[in-house]
Amino acid sequence: MPNPGTTIKMVAAGVICCIGGPALVMWVSPTEEELFKKYNPELQKRSLENRRQKQEDFDKFVTNLKEYSKSDKPIWAVVKEVEEKNRRDAAAKMREEQLALTAEAERRRQEIRSSAGT
């Protein structure tokens, strides 16, 4: 049978490790403000400029994640479907733009031919 003194020491060591370790990490880790103050002024300025854009991107990401989670399918499958749809839409848009440019070029050729023929 274990010695009660040894058991108490083991429990005390476990409590110190489980509570003291995370407490030490929290005490030693710098806050976001402390890290920001250590940036050089150029990085601080750039960080402040990009903060709004990063927040908007994060909000958009969370909104999309909420939309994806409404489906019965796994999120990664829904994301893959949405990316594929976006890729197809972008390709269709590029084809339309290419057709419009081709039509504009043809119209200009016809205009030049008609003006040169007269």
Protein backbone atom coordinates (compact mmCIF):
# COMPACT_ATOMS: atom_id res chain seq x y z
CA MET A 1 0.00 0.00 0.00
CA PRO A 2 1.43 3.43 -0.99
CA ASN A 3 2.65 5.76 1.66
CA PRO A 4 0.13 8.61 2.33
CA GLY A 5 2.97 11.16 2.27
CA THR A 6 4.03 10.01 -1.20
CA THR A 7 0.43 10.17 -2.42
CA ILE A 8 0.06 13.75 -1.14
CA LYS A 9 3.34 14.73 -2.82
CA MET A 10 2.20 13.18 -6.11
CA VAL A 11 -1.17 14.98 -5.98
CA ALA A 12 0.57 18.27 -5.12
CA ALA A 13 3.01 17.81 -8.02
CA GLY A 14 0.11 17.06 -10.39
CA VAL A 15 -1.80 20.15 -9.25
CA ILE A 16 1.31 22.30 -9.67
CA CYS A 17 1.87 20.96 -13.19
CA CYS A 18 -1.78 21.15 -14.29
CA ILE A 19 -2.52 24.58 -12.85
CA GLY A 20 0.90 26.17 -12.54
CA GLY A 21 2.05 25.36 -16.08
CA PRO A 22 -0.78 27.13 -17.93
CA ALA A 23 -0.68 29.97 -15.38
CA LEU A 24 3.05 30.45 -16.06
CA VAL A 25 2.47 30.45 -19.83
CA MET A 26 -0.30 33.05 -19.49
CA TRP A 27 1.90 35.20 -17.24
CA VAL A 28 4.92 35.04 -19.58
CA SER A 29 3.05 35.43 -22.92
CA PRO A 30 2.79 39.01 -24.21
CA THR A 31 -0.60 40.49 -25.03
CA GLU A 32 -1.54 41.63 -28.54
CA GLU A 33 -1.01 45.26 -27.52
CA GLU A 34 2.49 44.54 -26.22
CA LEU A 35 3.37 42.78 -29.46
CA PHE A 36 1.90 45.62 -31.52
CA LYS A 37 3.95 48.20 -29.61
CA LYS A 38 7.14 46.28 -30.47
CA TYR A 39 6.45 46.57 -34.22
CA ASN A 40 8.37 49.23 -36.05
CA PRO A 41 6.20 52.23 -37.05
CA GLU A 42 5.91 51.14 -40.68
CA LEU A 43 4.56 47.72 -39.68
CA GLN A 44 2.17 49.33 -37.20
CA LYS A 45 0.82 51.58 -39.93
CA ARG A 46 0.45 48.69 -42.39
CA SER A 47 -1.21 46.54 -39.73
CA LEU A 48 -3.73 49.26 -38.94
CA GLU A 49 -4.50 49.75 -42.63
CA ASN A 50 -5.06 46.02 -43.19
CA ARG A 51 -7.04 45.46 -40.01
CA ARG A 52 -10.42 46.40 -41.51
CA GLN A 53 -9.85 44.24 -44.60
CA LYS A 54 -8.80 41.27 -42.49
CA GLN A 55 -11.88 41.69 -40.29
CA GLU A 56 -14.14 41.82 -43.37
CA ASP A 57 -12.45 38.69 -44.78
CA PHE A 58 -12.94 36.88 -41.49
CA ASP A 59 -16.60 37.94 -41.29
CA LYS A 60 -17.13 36.74 -44.86
CA PHE A 61 -15.42 33.44 -44.01
CA VAL A 62 -17.64 32.92 -40.96
CA THR A 63 -20.77 33.82 -42.94
CA ASN A 64 -19.82 31.33 -45.65
CA LEU A 65 -19.09 28.69 -43.02
CA LYS A 66 -22.55 29.19 -41.53
CA GLU A 67 -24.09 28.83 -45.00
CA TYR A 68 -22.10 25.68 -45.70
CA SER A 69 -23.09 24.15 -42.36
CA LYS A 70 -26.80 24.41 -43.23
CA SER A 71 -26.37 21.60 -45.75
CA ASP A 72 -26.58 17.94 -44.79
CA LYS A 73 -23.32 17.30 -46.64
CA PRO A 74 -19.89 17.63 -45.01
CA ILE A 75 -18.56 21.19 -45.12
CA TRP A 76 -15.56 20.26 -47.29
CA ALA A 77 -17.87 18.74 -49.91
CA VAL A 78 -20.03 21.88 -49.97
CA VAL A 79 -16.92 24.08 -50.22
CA LYS A 80 -15.66 21.98 -53.13
CA GLU A 81 -19.02 22.35 -54.90
CA VAL A 82 -19.06 26.12 -54.35
CA GLU A 83 -15.46 26.47 -55.58
CA GLU A 84 -16.30 24.41 -58.68
CA LYS A 85 -19.37 26.60 -59.34
CA ASN A 86 -17.27 29.76 -58.90
CA ARG A 87 -14.64 28.36 -61.27
CA ARG A 88 -17.30 27.58 -63.90
CA ASP A 89 -18.84 31.05 -63.48
CA ALA A 90 -15.43 32.70 -63.87
CA ALA A 91 -14.70 30.63 -67.00
CA ALA A 92 -18.10 31.55 -68.48
CA LYS A 93 -17.48 35.21 -67.73
CA MET A 94 -14.07 35.05 -69.41
CA ARG A 95 -15.64 33.40 -72.48
CA GLU A 96 -18.25 36.17 -72.63
CA GLU A 97 -15.56 38.83 -72.37
CA GLN A 98 -13.53 37.09 -75.07
CA LEU A 99 -16.59 36.93 -77.35
CA ALA A 100 -17.28 40.61 -76.71
CA LEU A 101 -13.67 41.50 -77.57
CA THR A 102 -13.82 39.37 -80.70
CA ALA A 103 -17.08 41.00 -81.76
CA GLU A 104 -15.63 44.47 -81.11
CA ALA A 105 -12.52 43.63 -83.17
CA GLU A 106 -14.68 42.32 -86.00
CA ARG A 107 -16.87 45.44 -85.87
CA ARG A 108 -13.76 47.63 -86.11
CA ARG A 109 -12.43 45.59 -89.05
CA GLN A 110 -15.74 46.02 -90.84
CA GLU A 111 -15.70 49.73 -90.07
CA ILE A 112 -12.16 50.07 -91.42
CA ARG A 113 -13.02 48.08 -94.55
CA SER A 114 -16.12 50.14 -95.18
CA SER A 115 -14.26 53.44 -94.70
CA ALA A 116 -11.31 52.26 -96.86
CA GLY A 117 -13.63 51.05 -99.61
CA THR A 118 -15.30 54.43 -99.98
